[in-house]
Amino acid sequence: MRRRMPLIRPEYHPLDRIPTRAVLAAVVYGGGACGGEVLTVSAPIPQLGPALAEVWRAEGAVTREQRGDIEIARTGDVLFGVVRRGGGPTAEITAAVYDSIVGAVRSAGYPALWRIWNNVGGINELEEGMERYKRFSAGRHEALTRHGYARERFPAASAVGMTEPGLLVYFLAGRQEGKQVENPRQVSAYDYPPRYGPRSPSFSRATVVGDELIFVAGTASVVGHESRHAGSAAAQLEETIENLDATLAAATAGRKASAGDLTVVKIFVRPGTDPAPVEDRLRAVFPASMLLEADICRRELLLEIEGVAVLPKR
């Protein structure tokens, strides 16, 4: 009997060989044409390594539709969506985008938000005296809490910069609720002290779906709530790997998963940071990875890592 594949599975493929069979959506970093048979997100974030596409495979017929300003592809089990907004007041734009996302997934019948990727133009720039990431966090928090999302239901997420203004958000949602997981080495993001902004970041460190899928949020060199190893990419990488190990261990009690078990990994390196000193270490730990250049939510952080683990079914 053929084993059924997980609800969703990420893969990396060369840009000139993006598959179309059993594909829900694809994400192309560094820009590129959208449209065609597969829903394709064009993310203005440069790649530093081989040009790859992030491909999300799923079984079953794929239906594409537009709900307001959100473009959607879905199967019977999982929904992928993308929304883009231009420049303007970041908190207001973010709240409106998240209002649209919650409305779309609930009306479509996929109310469980699993993973959200936020790309914020000028994420570290000041906007009316406050860093734009903090304004983004405020808008996201207001929208999610307004729609009844408590801290235990915040999905795994990441927020990095992009080379164009505005906000680009893509996300995965399902009919099946996920389980939110925190990292015991870190203060939960939603409990950060006020110095990190008027509203703490509203996300979990990981979301576990079923017995196989683990969506790990953007992870960096933070212990407790403090950034560590300013100025050293190598030291930040080691701290980040420890955080990934801790998060995956918490997400897989009894299965002893670690950073090396991630099926795919995205590594964001801050512009101006030379990745050469850490490339051998990255390849050793993360053989299936994509290297990108983007600003990160804290100015002192030089890199951020996220990933998805697809584990053998128990």
C-alpha atoms as a PDB file:
ATOM      1  CA  MET A   1       0.000   0.000   0.000  1.00  0.00           C
ATOM      2  CA  ARG A   2       1.434   3.371  -0.995  1.00  0.00           C
ATOM      3  CA  ARG A   3       2.125   5.641   1.937  1.00  0.00           C
ATOM      4  CA  ARG A   4       0.175   8.880   1.742  1.00  0.00           C
ATOM      5  CA  MET A   5       2.412  11.928   1.588  1.00  0.00           C
ATOM      6  CA  PRO A   6       2.117  14.618   4.290  1.00  0.00           C
ATOM      7  CA  LEU A   7      -0.506  17.327   3.842  1.00  0.00           C
ATOM      8  CA  ILE A   8       2.201  19.596   2.440  1.00  0.00           C
ATOM      9  CA  ARG A   9       5.895  19.119   1.689  1.00  0.00           C
ATOM     10  CA  PRO A  10       8.461  21.789   0.787  1.00  0.00           C
ATOM     11  CA  GLU A  11      11.233  21.212  -1.736  1.00  0.00           C
ATOM     12  CA  TYR A  12      13.874  23.341  -3.451  1.00  0.00           C
ATOM     13  CA  HIS A  13      14.192  23.201  -7.240  1.00  0.00           C
ATOM     14  CA  PRO A  14      16.272  25.144  -9.796  1.00  0.00           C
ATOM     15  CA  LEU A  15      14.368  28.124 -11.142  1.00  0.00           C
ATOM     16  CA  ASP A  16      14.379  26.744 -14.663  1.00  0.00           C
ATOM     17  CA  ARG A  17      12.926  23.403 -13.533  1.00  0.00           C
ATOM     18  CA  ILE A  18       9.998  24.246 -11.271  1.00  0.00           C
ATOM     19  CA  PRO A  19       7.644  21.235 -11.339  1.00  0.00           C
ATOM     20  CA  THR A  20       3.916  21.608 -11.884  1.00  0.00           C
ATOM     21  CA  ARG A  21       2.596  18.163 -10.953  1.00  0.00           C
ATOM     22  CA  ALA A  22       1.235  17.875  -7.386  1.00  0.00           C
ATOM     23  CA  VAL A  23       2.347  21.452  -6.650  1.00  0.00           C
ATOM     24  CA  LEU A  24       0.251  23.805  -4.561  1.00  0.00           C
ATOM     25  CA  ALA A  25       2.459  26.906  -4.938  1.00  0.00           C
ATOM     26  CA  ALA A  26       6.018  28.135  -5.461  1.00  0.00           C
ATOM     27  CA  VAL A  27       8.016  31.035  -4.063  1.00  0.00           C
ATOM     28  CA  VAL A  28      10.724  32.659  -6.188  1.00  0.00           C
ATOM     29  CA  TYR A  29      13.207  34.837  -4.304  1.00  0.00           C
ATOM     30  CA  GLY A  30      15.058  37.595  -6.099  1.00  0.00           C
ATOM     31  CA  GLY A  31      12.091  38.471  -8.273  1.00  0.00           C
ATOM     32  CA  GLY A  32      10.782  36.699 -11.323  1.00  0.00           C
ATOM     33  CA  ALA A  33       7.648  36.212 -13.341  1.00  0.00           C
ATOM     34  CA  CYS A  34       4.419  35.271 -11.595  1.00  0.00           C
ATOM     35  CA  GLY A  35       1.390  33.620 -13.017  1.00  0.00           C
ATOM     36  CA  GLY A  36       1.068  30.440 -15.035  1.00  0.00           C
ATOM     37  CA  GLU A  37      -0.185  27.030 -14.062  1.00  0.00           C
ATOM     38  CA  VAL A  38       1.185  27.195 -10.490  1.00  0.00           C
ATOM     39  CA  LEU A  39       0.534  30.012  -8.027  1.00  0.00           C
ATOM     40  CA  THR A  40       3.951  31.686  -7.819  1.00  0.00           C
ATOM     41  CA  VAL A  41       5.044  34.314  -5.317  1.00  0.00           C
ATOM     42  CA  SER A  42       7.790  36.706  -6.450  1.00  0.00           C
ATOM     43  CA  ALA A  43       9.656  37.872  -3.337  1.00  0.00           C
ATOM     44  CA  PRO A  44      12.106  40.795  -3.776  1.00  0.00           C
ATOM     45  CA  ILE A  45      14.844  39.282  -1.609  1.00  0.00           C
ATOM     46  CA  PRO A  46      18.170  38.488  -3.333  1.00  0.00           C
ATOM     47  CA  GLN A  47      19.579  34.971  -3.291  1.00  0.00           C
ATOM     48  CA  LEU A  48      23.291  34.566  -2.562  1.00  0.00           C
ATOM     49  CA  GLY A  49      23.673  30.969  -3.674  1.00  0.00           C
ATOM     50  CA  PRO A  50      22.277  28.889  -6.550  1.00  0.00           C
ATOM     51  CA  ALA A  51      18.980  30.249  -7.881  1.00  0.00           C
ATOM     52  CA  LEU A  52      16.309  28.047  -6.333  1.00  0.00           C
ATOM     53  CA  ALA A  53      12.537  28.076  -6.000  1.00  0.00           C
ATOM     54  CA  GLU A  54      10.680  27.034  -2.868  1.00  0.00           C
ATOM     55  CA  VAL A  55       8.074  24.535  -4.062  1.00  0.00           C
ATOM     56  CA  TRP A  56       5.173  23.364  -1.928  1.00  0.00           C
ATOM     57  CA  ARG A  57       3.903  19.942  -2.950  1.00  0.00           C
ATOM     58  CA  ALA A  58       0.511  18.572  -1.948  1.00  0.00           C
ATOM     59  CA  GLU A  59      -1.726  15.722  -2.995  1.00  0.00           C
ATOM     60  CA  GLY A  60      -5.158  16.172  -4.503  1.00  0.00           C
ATOM     61  CA  ALA A  61      -6.728  18.573  -6.946  1.00  0.00           C
ATOM     62  CA  VAL A  62      -5.606  22.194  -6.596  1.00  0.00           C
ATOM     63  CA  THR A  63      -8.191  24.968  -6.783  1.00  0.00           C
ATOM     64  CA  ARG A  64      -7.120  28.556  -7.404  1.00  0.00           C
ATOM     65  CA  GLU A  65      -9.216  31.590  -6.548  1.00  0.00           C
ATOM     66  CA  GLN A  66      -9.112  35.214  -5.480  1.00  0.00           C
ATOM     67  CA  ARG A  67     -10.633  36.319  -2.175  1.00  0.00           C
ATOM     68  CA  GLY A  68     -10.411  40.100  -1.988  1.00  0.00           C
ATOM     69  CA  ASP A  69      -6.753  40.974  -2.474  1.00  0.00           C
ATOM     70  CA  ILE A  70      -5.552  37.491  -1.492  1.00  0.00           C
ATOM     71  CA  GLU A  71      -4.559  34.995  -4.165  1.00  0.00           C
ATOM     72  CA  ILE A  72      -5.220  31.439  -3.024  1.00  0.00           C
ATOM     73  CA  ALA A  73      -4.362  27.886  -4.025  1.00  0.00           C
ATOM     74  CA  ARG A  74      -5.869  25.049  -2.002  1.00  0.00           C
ATOM     75  CA  THR A  75      -6.442  21.323  -1.804  1.00  0.00           C
ATOM     76  CA  GLY A  76      -8.973  19.552   0.388  1.00  0.00           C
ATOM     77  CA  ASP A  77      -6.628  19.825   3.370  1.00  0.00           C
ATOM     78  CA  VAL A  78      -4.407  22.884   3.055  1.00  0.00           C
ATOM     79  CA  LEU A  79      -4.559  26.445   1.756  1.00  0.00           C
ATOM     80  CA  PHE A  80      -1.696  28.631   0.521  1.00  0.00           C
ATOM     81  CA  GLY A  81      -2.305  32.360   0.186  1.00  0.00           C
ATOM     82  CA  VAL A  82      -0.396  35.501  -0.723  1.00  0.00           C
ATOM     83  CA  VAL A  83      -1.198  39.191  -0.368  1.00  0.00           C
ATOM     84  CA  ARG A  84       0.794  42.304  -1.276  1.00  0.00           C
ATOM     85  CA  ARG A  85       0.249  45.898  -0.138  1.00  0.00           C
ATOM     86  CA  GLY A  86       2.166  48.985  -1.189  1.00  0.00           C
ATOM     87  CA  GLY A  87       3.675  51.672   1.020  1.00  0.00           C
ATOM     88  CA  GLY A  88       1.793  53.587   3.693  1.00  0.00           C
ATOM     89  CA  PRO A  89       1.444  53.587   7.487  1.00  0.00           C
ATOM     90  CA  THR A  90       2.879  50.201   8.428  1.00  0.00           C
ATOM     91  CA  ALA A  91       0.694  49.430  11.431  1.00  0.00           C
ATOM     92  CA  GLU A  92      -2.479  50.222   9.481  1.00  0.00           C
ATOM     93  CA  ILE A  93      -1.405  48.269   6.409  1.00  0.00           C
ATOM     94  CA  THR A  94      -0.397  45.272   8.501  1.00  0.00           C
ATOM     95  CA  ALA A  95      -3.659  45.223  10.441  1.00  0.00           C
ATOM     96  CA  ALA A  96      -5.627  45.396   7.188  1.00  0.00           C
ATOM     97  CA  VAL A  97      -3.592  42.562   5.642  1.00  0.00           C
ATOM     98  CA  TYR A  98      -4.118  40.350   8.670  1.00  0.00           C
ATOM     99  CA  ASP A  99      -7.830  41.190   8.736  1.00  0.00           C
ATOM    100  CA  SER A 100      -7.982  39.987   5.121  1.00  0.00           C
ATOM    101  CA  ILE A 101      -6.015  36.818   5.875  1.00  0.00           C
ATOM    102  CA  VAL A 102      -8.185  35.808   8.819  1.00  0.00           C
ATOM    103  CA  GLY A 103     -11.345  36.547   6.869  1.00  0.00           C
ATOM    104  CA  ALA A 104     -10.156  34.551   3.860  1.00  0.00           C
ATOM    105  CA  VAL A 105      -9.074  31.408   5.706  1.00  0.00           C
ATOM    106  CA  ARG A 106     -12.199  31.322   7.837  1.00  0.00           C
ATOM    107  CA  SER A 107     -14.599  31.859   4.960  1.00  0.00           C
ATOM    108  CA  ALA A 108     -12.788  29.224   2.870  1.00  0.00           C
ATOM    109  CA  GLY A 109     -12.988  26.655   5.681  1.00  0.00           C
ATOM    110  CA  TYR A 110      -9.280  26.506   6.624  1.00  0.00           C
ATOM    111  CA  PRO A 111      -9.347  28.413   9.928  1.00  0.00           C
ATOM    112  CA  ALA A 112      -6.066  27.104  11.392  1.00  0.00           C
ATOM    113  CA  LEU A 113      -3.137  29.383  10.566  1.00  0.00           C
ATOM    114  CA  TRP A 114       0.022  27.224  10.514  1.00  0.00           C
ATOM    115  CA  ARG A 115       2.822  29.416   9.207  1.00  0.00           C
ATOM    116  CA  ILE A 116       3.118  33.042   8.044  1.00  0.00           C
ATOM    117  CA  TRP A 117       6.040  34.621   6.172  1.00  0.00           C
ATOM    118  CA  ASN A 118       6.190  38.430   6.425  1.00  0.00           C
ATOM    119  CA  ASN A 119       8.425  40.483   4.137  1.00  0.00           C
ATOM    120  CA  VAL A 120       8.597  44.118   5.205  1.00  0.00           C
ATOM    121  CA  GLY A 121      10.170  46.866   3.122  1.00  0.00           C
ATOM    122  CA  GLY A 122      12.694  48.890   5.160  1.00  0.00           C
ATOM    123  CA  ILE A 123      12.099  46.752   8.239  1.00  0.00           C
ATOM    124  CA  ASN A 124      14.789  48.532  10.308  1.00  0.00           C
ATOM    125  CA  GLU A 125      14.056  52.061   9.098  1.00  0.00           C
ATOM    126  CA  LEU A 126      12.384  54.642  11.300  1.00  0.00           C
ATOM    127  CA  GLU A 127       8.794  55.543  10.564  1.00  0.00           C
ATOM    128  CA  GLU A 128       7.644  58.619  12.486  1.00  0.00           C
ATOM    129  CA  GLY A 129      10.271  57.994  15.147  1.00  0.00           C
ATOM    130  CA  MET A 130       9.697  54.241  15.590  1.00  0.00           C
ATOM    131  CA  GLU A 131      11.371  51.319  13.854  1.00  0.00           C
ATOM    132  CA  ARG A 132       9.141  49.904  11.156  1.00  0.00           C
ATOM    133  CA  TYR A 133       9.331  46.358  12.550  1.00  0.00           C
ATOM    134  CA  LYS A 134       7.808  47.585  15.805  1.00  0.00           C
ATOM    135  CA  ARG A 135       4.970  49.230  13.885  1.00  0.00           C
ATOM    136  CA  PHE A 136       4.463  46.004  11.942  1.00  0.00           C
ATOM    137  CA  SER A 137       4.316  44.047  15.218  1.00  0.00           C
ATOM    138  CA  ALA A 138       1.715  46.445  16.589  1.00  0.00           C
ATOM    139  CA  GLY A 139      -0.528  46.082  13.548  1.00  0.00           C
ATOM    140  CA  ARG A 140      -0.244  42.291  13.521  1.00  0.00           C
ATOM    141  CA  HIS A 141      -1.035  42.026  17.236  1.00  0.00           C
ATOM    142  CA  GLU A 142      -4.074  44.280  17.000  1.00  0.00           C
ATOM    143  CA  ALA A 143      -5.545  42.283  14.117  1.00  0.00           C
ATOM    144  CA  LEU A 144      -4.907  38.809  15.522  1.00  0.00           C
ATOM    145  CA  THR A 145      -6.238  39.610  18.984  1.00  0.00           C
ATOM    146  CA  ARG A 146      -9.252  41.400  17.515  1.00  0.00           C
ATOM    147  CA  HIS A 147     -10.128  38.144  15.749  1.00  0.00           C
ATOM    148  CA  GLY A 148      -9.820  36.094  18.918  1.00  0.00           C
ATOM    149  CA  TYR A 149      -6.317  34.660  18.519  1.00  0.00           C
ATOM    150  CA  ALA A 150      -4.826  34.119  21.964  1.00  0.00           C
ATOM    151  CA  ARG A 151      -1.124  33.665  22.553  1.00  0.00           C
ATOM    152  CA  GLU A 152      -1.520  29.873  22.496  1.00  0.00           C
ATOM    153  CA  ARG A 153      -2.811  30.092  18.908  1.00  0.00           C
ATOM    154  CA  PHE A 154      -0.320  32.489  17.341  1.00  0.00           C
ATOM    155  CA  PRO A 155       1.195  30.696  14.328  1.00  0.00           C
ATOM    156  CA  ALA A 156       4.895  30.245  13.665  1.00  0.00           C
ATOM    157  CA  ALA A 157       6.131  33.233  11.671  1.00  0.00           C
ATOM    158  CA  SER A 158       9.079  35.244  10.450  1.00  0.00           C
ATOM    159  CA  ALA A 159       9.611  38.860   9.420  1.00  0.00           C
ATOM    160  CA  VAL A 160      12.547  39.995   7.298  1.00  0.00           C
ATOM    161  CA  GLY A 161      13.236  42.947   5.068  1.00  0.00           C
ATOM    162  CA  MET A 162      12.779  43.137   1.304  1.00  0.00           C
ATOM    163  CA  THR A 163      14.145  45.449  -1.361  1.00  0.00           C
ATOM    164  CA  GLU A 164      10.797  47.045  -2.243  1.00  0.00           C
ATOM    165  CA  PRO A 165       8.457  49.133  -0.054  1.00  0.00           C
ATOM    166  CA  GLY A 166       5.300  47.799   1.494  1.00  0.00           C
ATOM    167  CA  LEU A 167       4.342  44.403   2.801  1.00  0.00           C
ATOM    168  CA  LEU A 168       4.355  40.968   1.154  1.00  0.00           C
ATOM    169  CA  VAL A 169       2.820  38.139   3.176  1.00  0.00           C
ATOM    170  CA  TYR A 170       2.371  34.523   2.236  1.00  0.00           C
ATOM    171  CA  PHE A 171       0.963  31.838   4.493  1.00  0.00           C
ATOM    172  CA  LEU A 172      -0.235  28.277   4.985  1.00  0.00           C
ATOM    173  CA  ALA A 173      -3.488  27.350   6.715  1.00  0.00           C
ATOM    174  CA  GLY A 174      -5.429  24.140   7.171  1.00  0.00           C
ATOM    175  CA  ARG A 175      -8.593  22.537   8.424  1.00  0.00           C
ATOM    176  CA  GLN A 176      -6.593  20.752  11.148  1.00  0.00           C
ATOM    177  CA  GLU A 177      -5.387  22.781  14.122  1.00  0.00           C
ATOM    178  CA  GLY A 178      -1.681  22.855  14.821  1.00  0.00           C
ATOM    179  CA  LYS A 179       0.068  22.794  18.172  1.00  0.00           C
ATOM    180  CA  GLN A 180       2.158  25.818  19.089  1.00  0.00           C
ATOM    181  CA  VAL A 181       5.605  25.196  20.596  1.00  0.00           C
ATOM    182  CA  GLU A 182       8.008  27.478  22.467  1.00  0.00           C
ATOM    183  CA  ASN A 183      11.781  27.320  22.931  1.00  0.00           C
ATOM    184  CA  PRO A 184      12.807  26.773  26.588  1.00  0.00           C
ATOM    185  CA  ARG A 185      15.998  28.819  25.983  1.00  0.00           C
ATOM    186  CA  GLN A 186      14.001  31.903  25.029  1.00  0.00           C
ATOM    187  CA  VAL A 187      11.304  34.116  26.446  1.00  0.00           C
ATOM    188  CA  SER A 188       8.208  33.645  24.309  1.00  0.00           C
ATOM    189  CA  ALA A 189       8.091  36.480  21.792  1.00  0.00           C
ATOM    190  CA  TYR A 190       4.652  37.558  23.001  1.00  0.00           C
ATOM    191  CA  ASP A 191       6.132  38.055  26.501  1.00  0.00           C
ATOM    192  CA  TYR A 192       8.980  40.355  25.450  1.00  0.00           C
ATOM    193  CA  PRO A 193       9.387  43.468  27.626  1.00  0.00           C
ATOM    194  CA  PRO A 194       8.146  46.859  26.335  1.00  0.00           C
ATOM    195  CA  ARG A 195      11.561  47.926  25.014  1.00  0.00           C
ATOM    196  CA  TYR A 196      10.904  45.732  21.957  1.00  0.00           C
ATOM    197  CA  GLY A 197       7.882  47.784  20.988  1.00  0.00           C
ATOM    198  CA  PRO A 198       4.404  48.815  22.112  1.00  0.00           C
ATOM    199  CA  ARG A 199       3.141  45.343  21.189  1.00  0.00           C
ATOM    200  CA  SER A 200       5.259  42.224  21.481  1.00  0.00           C
ATOM    201  CA  PRO A 201       5.730  40.071  18.368  1.00  0.00           C
ATOM    202  CA  SER A 202       2.717  37.772  17.999  1.00  0.00           C
ATOM    203  CA  PHE A 203       4.125  34.428  16.882  1.00  0.00           C
ATOM    204  CA  SER A 204       5.148  31.043  18.237  1.00  0.00           C
ATOM    205  CA  ARG A 205       8.577  29.456  17.840  1.00  0.00           C
ATOM    206  CA  ALA A 206       7.103  26.502  15.937  1.00  0.00           C
ATOM    207  CA  THR A 207       3.815  24.993  14.834  1.00  0.00           C
ATOM    208  CA  VAL A 208       3.401  21.212  14.754  1.00  0.00           C
ATOM    209  CA  VAL A 209       0.730  19.770  12.471  1.00  0.00           C
ATOM    210  CA  GLY A 210      -0.210  16.139  12.965  1.00  0.00           C
ATOM    211  CA  ASP A 211       2.652  13.781  13.630  1.00  0.00           C
ATOM    212  CA  GLU A 212       4.944  14.831  10.786  1.00  0.00           C
ATOM    213  CA  LEU A 213       5.038  18.548   9.991  1.00  0.00           C
ATOM    214  CA  ILE A 214       6.983  21.100  12.016  1.00  0.00           C
ATOM    215  CA  PHE A 215       7.083  24.715  10.858  1.00  0.00           C
ATOM    216  CA  VAL A 216       9.972  26.443  12.637  1.00  0.00           C
ATOM    217  CA  ALA A 217       9.773  30.227  12.939  1.00  0.00           C
ATOM    218  CA  GLY A 218      12.571  32.630  12.108  1.00  0.00           C
ATOM    219  CA  THR A 219      15.295  31.846  14.656  1.00  0.00           C
ATOM    220  CA  ALA A 220      18.326  33.909  15.588  1.00  0.00           C
ATOM    221  CA  SER A 221      20.990  34.431  18.263  1.00  0.00           C
ATOM    222  CA  VAL A 222      18.614  35.350  21.093  1.00  0.00           C
ATOM    223  CA  VAL A 223      18.748  33.837  24.575  1.00  0.00           C
ATOM    224  CA  GLY A 224      16.000  34.817  26.983  1.00  0.00           C
ATOM    225  CA  HIS A 225      15.000  37.965  25.141  1.00  0.00           C
ATOM    226  CA  GLU A 226      18.524  39.371  24.649  1.00  0.00           C
ATOM    227  CA  SER A 227      20.514  39.296  21.408  1.00  0.00           C
ATOM    228  CA  ARG A 228      23.868  37.549  21.772  1.00  0.00           C
ATOM    229  CA  HIS A 229      27.288  37.823  20.077  1.00  0.00           C
ATOM    230  CA  ALA A 230      26.961  41.206  18.361  1.00  0.00           C
ATOM    231  CA  GLY A 231      29.415  41.513  15.488  1.00  0.00           C
ATOM    232  CA  SER A 232      30.234  37.788  15.133  1.00  0.00           C
ATOM    233  CA  ALA A 233      28.350  35.844  12.474  1.00  0.00           C
ATOM    234  CA  ALA A 234      30.097  32.615  13.481  1.00  0.00           C
ATOM    235  CA  ALA A 235      29.095  32.906  17.139  1.00  0.00           C
ATOM    236  CA  GLN A 236      25.556  33.948  16.210  1.00  0.00           C
ATOM    237  CA  LEU A 237      25.274  30.911  13.962  1.00  0.00           C
ATOM    238  CA  GLU A 238      26.215  28.529  16.777  1.00  0.00           C
ATOM    239  CA  GLU A 239      23.707  30.159  19.141  1.00  0.00           C
ATOM    240  CA  THR A 240      21.047  29.959  16.448  1.00  0.00           C
ATOM    241  CA  ILE A 241      21.710  26.255  15.899  1.00  0.00           C
ATOM    242  CA  GLU A 242      21.323  25.692  19.657  1.00  0.00           C
ATOM    243  CA  ASN A 243      17.969  27.475  19.519  1.00  0.00           C
ATOM    244  CA  LEU A 244      16.836  25.372  16.573  1.00  0.00           C
ATOM    245  CA  ASP A 245      17.889  22.211  18.421  1.00  0.00           C
ATOM    246  CA  ALA A 246      15.938  23.301  21.520  1.00  0.00           C
ATOM    247  CA  THR A 247      12.817  24.208  19.552  1.00  0.00           C
ATOM    248  CA  LEU A 248      12.778  20.940  17.616  1.00  0.00           C
ATOM    249  CA  ALA A 249      13.405  18.928  20.766  1.00  0.00           C
ATOM    250  CA  ALA A 250      10.410  20.640  22.408  1.00  0.00           C
ATOM    251  CA  ALA A 251       8.309  20.000  19.302  1.00  0.00           C
ATOM    252  CA  THR A 252       9.180  16.300  19.130  1.00  0.00           C
ATOM    253  CA  ALA A 253       9.125  15.018  22.683  1.00  0.00           C
ATOM    254  CA  GLY A 254      10.554  11.504  22.638  1.00  0.00           C
ATOM    255  CA  ARG A 255      11.772  11.682  19.020  1.00  0.00           C
ATOM    256  CA  LYS A 256      14.928  13.742  19.614  1.00  0.00           C
ATOM    257  CA  ALA A 257      14.758  15.847  16.451  1.00  0.00           C
ATOM    258  CA  SER A 258      17.362  18.576  15.998  1.00  0.00           C
ATOM    259  CA  ALA A 259      18.401  21.242  13.488  1.00  0.00           C
ATOM    260  CA  GLY A 260      19.879  18.616  11.168  1.00  0.00           C
ATOM    261  CA  ASP A 261      16.422  17.053  10.762  1.00  0.00           C
ATOM    262  CA  LEU A 262      15.008  20.090   8.971  1.00  0.00           C
ATOM    263  CA  THR A 263      13.879  19.087   5.488  1.00  0.00           C
ATOM    264  CA  VAL A 264      14.447  22.555   4.013  1.00  0.00           C
ATOM    265  CA  VAL A 265      16.098  25.626   5.494  1.00  0.00           C
ATOM    266  CA  LYS A 266      16.245  29.307   4.575  1.00  0.00           C
ATOM    267  CA  ILE A 267      19.218  31.293   5.871  1.00  0.00           C
ATOM    268  CA  PHE A 268      18.940  35.092   5.821  1.00  0.00           C
ATOM    269  CA  VAL A 269      22.188  37.058   6.033  1.00  0.00           C
ATOM    270  CA  ARG A 270      22.147  40.775   6.760  1.00  0.00           C
ATOM    271  CA  PRO A 271      23.492  42.936   3.873  1.00  0.00           C
ATOM    272  CA  GLY A 272      27.149  43.734   4.436  1.00  0.00           C
ATOM    273  CA  THR A 273      27.774  40.474   6.287  1.00  0.00           C
ATOM    274  CA  ASP A 274      30.264  38.173   4.577  1.00  0.00           C
ATOM    275  CA  PRO A 275      28.793  34.641   4.647  1.00  0.00           C
ATOM    276  CA  ALA A 276      32.068  32.980   3.601  1.00  0.00           C
ATOM    277  CA  PRO A 277      33.344  32.290   7.163  1.00  0.00           C
ATOM    278  CA  VAL A 278      30.198  30.321   8.039  1.00  0.00           C
ATOM    279  CA  GLU A 279      29.372  28.652   4.703  1.00  0.00           C
ATOM    280  CA  ASP A 280      31.141  25.360   5.491  1.00  0.00           C
ATOM    281  CA  ARG A 281      29.313  25.089   8.799  1.00  0.00           C
ATOM    282  CA  LEU A 282      25.987  25.916   7.153  1.00  0.00           C
ATOM    283  CA  ARG A 283      26.465  23.259   4.469  1.00  0.00           C
ATOM    284  CA  ALA A 284      27.448  20.669   7.087  1.00  0.00           C
ATOM    285  CA  VAL A 285      24.346  21.227   9.222  1.00  0.00           C
ATOM    286  CA  PHE A 286      21.816  22.205   6.533  1.00  0.00           C
ATOM    287  CA  PRO A 287      22.450  20.379   3.239  1.00  0.00           C
ATOM    288  CA  ALA A 288      19.064  21.417   1.785  1.00  0.00           C
ATOM    289  CA  SER A 289      19.213  25.170   2.246  1.00  0.00           C
ATOM    290  CA  MET A 290      18.680  28.482   0.490  1.00  0.00           C
ATOM    291  CA  LEU A 291      20.942  31.455   1.243  1.00  0.00           C
ATOM    292  CA  LEU A 292      19.372  34.912   0.994  1.00  0.00           C
ATOM    293  CA  GLU A 293      20.284  38.507   1.800  1.00  0.00           C
ATOM    294  CA  ALA A 294      17.834  40.490   3.909  1.00  0.00           C
ATOM    295  CA  ASP A 295      17.604  42.835   6.852  1.00  0.00           C
ATOM    296  CA  ILE A 296      16.564  41.103  10.064  1.00  0.00           C
ATOM    297  CA  CYS A 297      14.173  42.345  12.746  1.00  0.00           C
ATOM    298  CA  ARG A 298      16.975  43.467  15.111  1.00  0.00           C
ATOM    299  CA  ARG A 299      19.840  45.551  13.757  1.00  0.00           C
ATOM    300  CA  GLU A 300      22.492  43.680  15.759  1.00  0.00           C
ATOM    301  CA  LEU A 301      21.480  40.292  14.357  1.00  0.00           C
ATOM    302  CA  LEU A 302      23.543  39.201  11.353  1.00  0.00           C
ATOM    303  CA  LEU A 303      21.619  36.087  10.380  1.00  0.00           C
ATOM    304  CA  GLU A 304      18.315  34.317  10.861  1.00  0.00           C
ATOM    305  CA  ILE A 305      17.375  30.737  10.060  1.00  0.00           C
ATOM    306  CA  GLU A 306      13.995  29.111   9.516  1.00  0.00           C
ATOM    307  CA  GLY A 307      12.909  25.736   8.258  1.00  0.00           C
ATOM    308  CA  VAL A 308      10.359  22.978   7.930  1.00  0.00           C
ATOM    309  CA  ALA A 309      10.781  19.415   9.167  1.00  0.00           C
ATOM    310  CA  VAL A 310       8.830  16.579   7.586  1.00  0.00           C
ATOM    311  CA  LEU A 311       9.393  13.628   9.897  1.00  0.00           C
ATOM    312  CA  PRO A 312       8.637   9.935   9.319  1.00  0.00           C
ATOM    313  CA  LYS A 313       5.131   9.070  10.436  1.00  0.00           C
ATOM    314  CA  ARG A 314       4.976   7.224  13.723  1.00  0.00           C
END
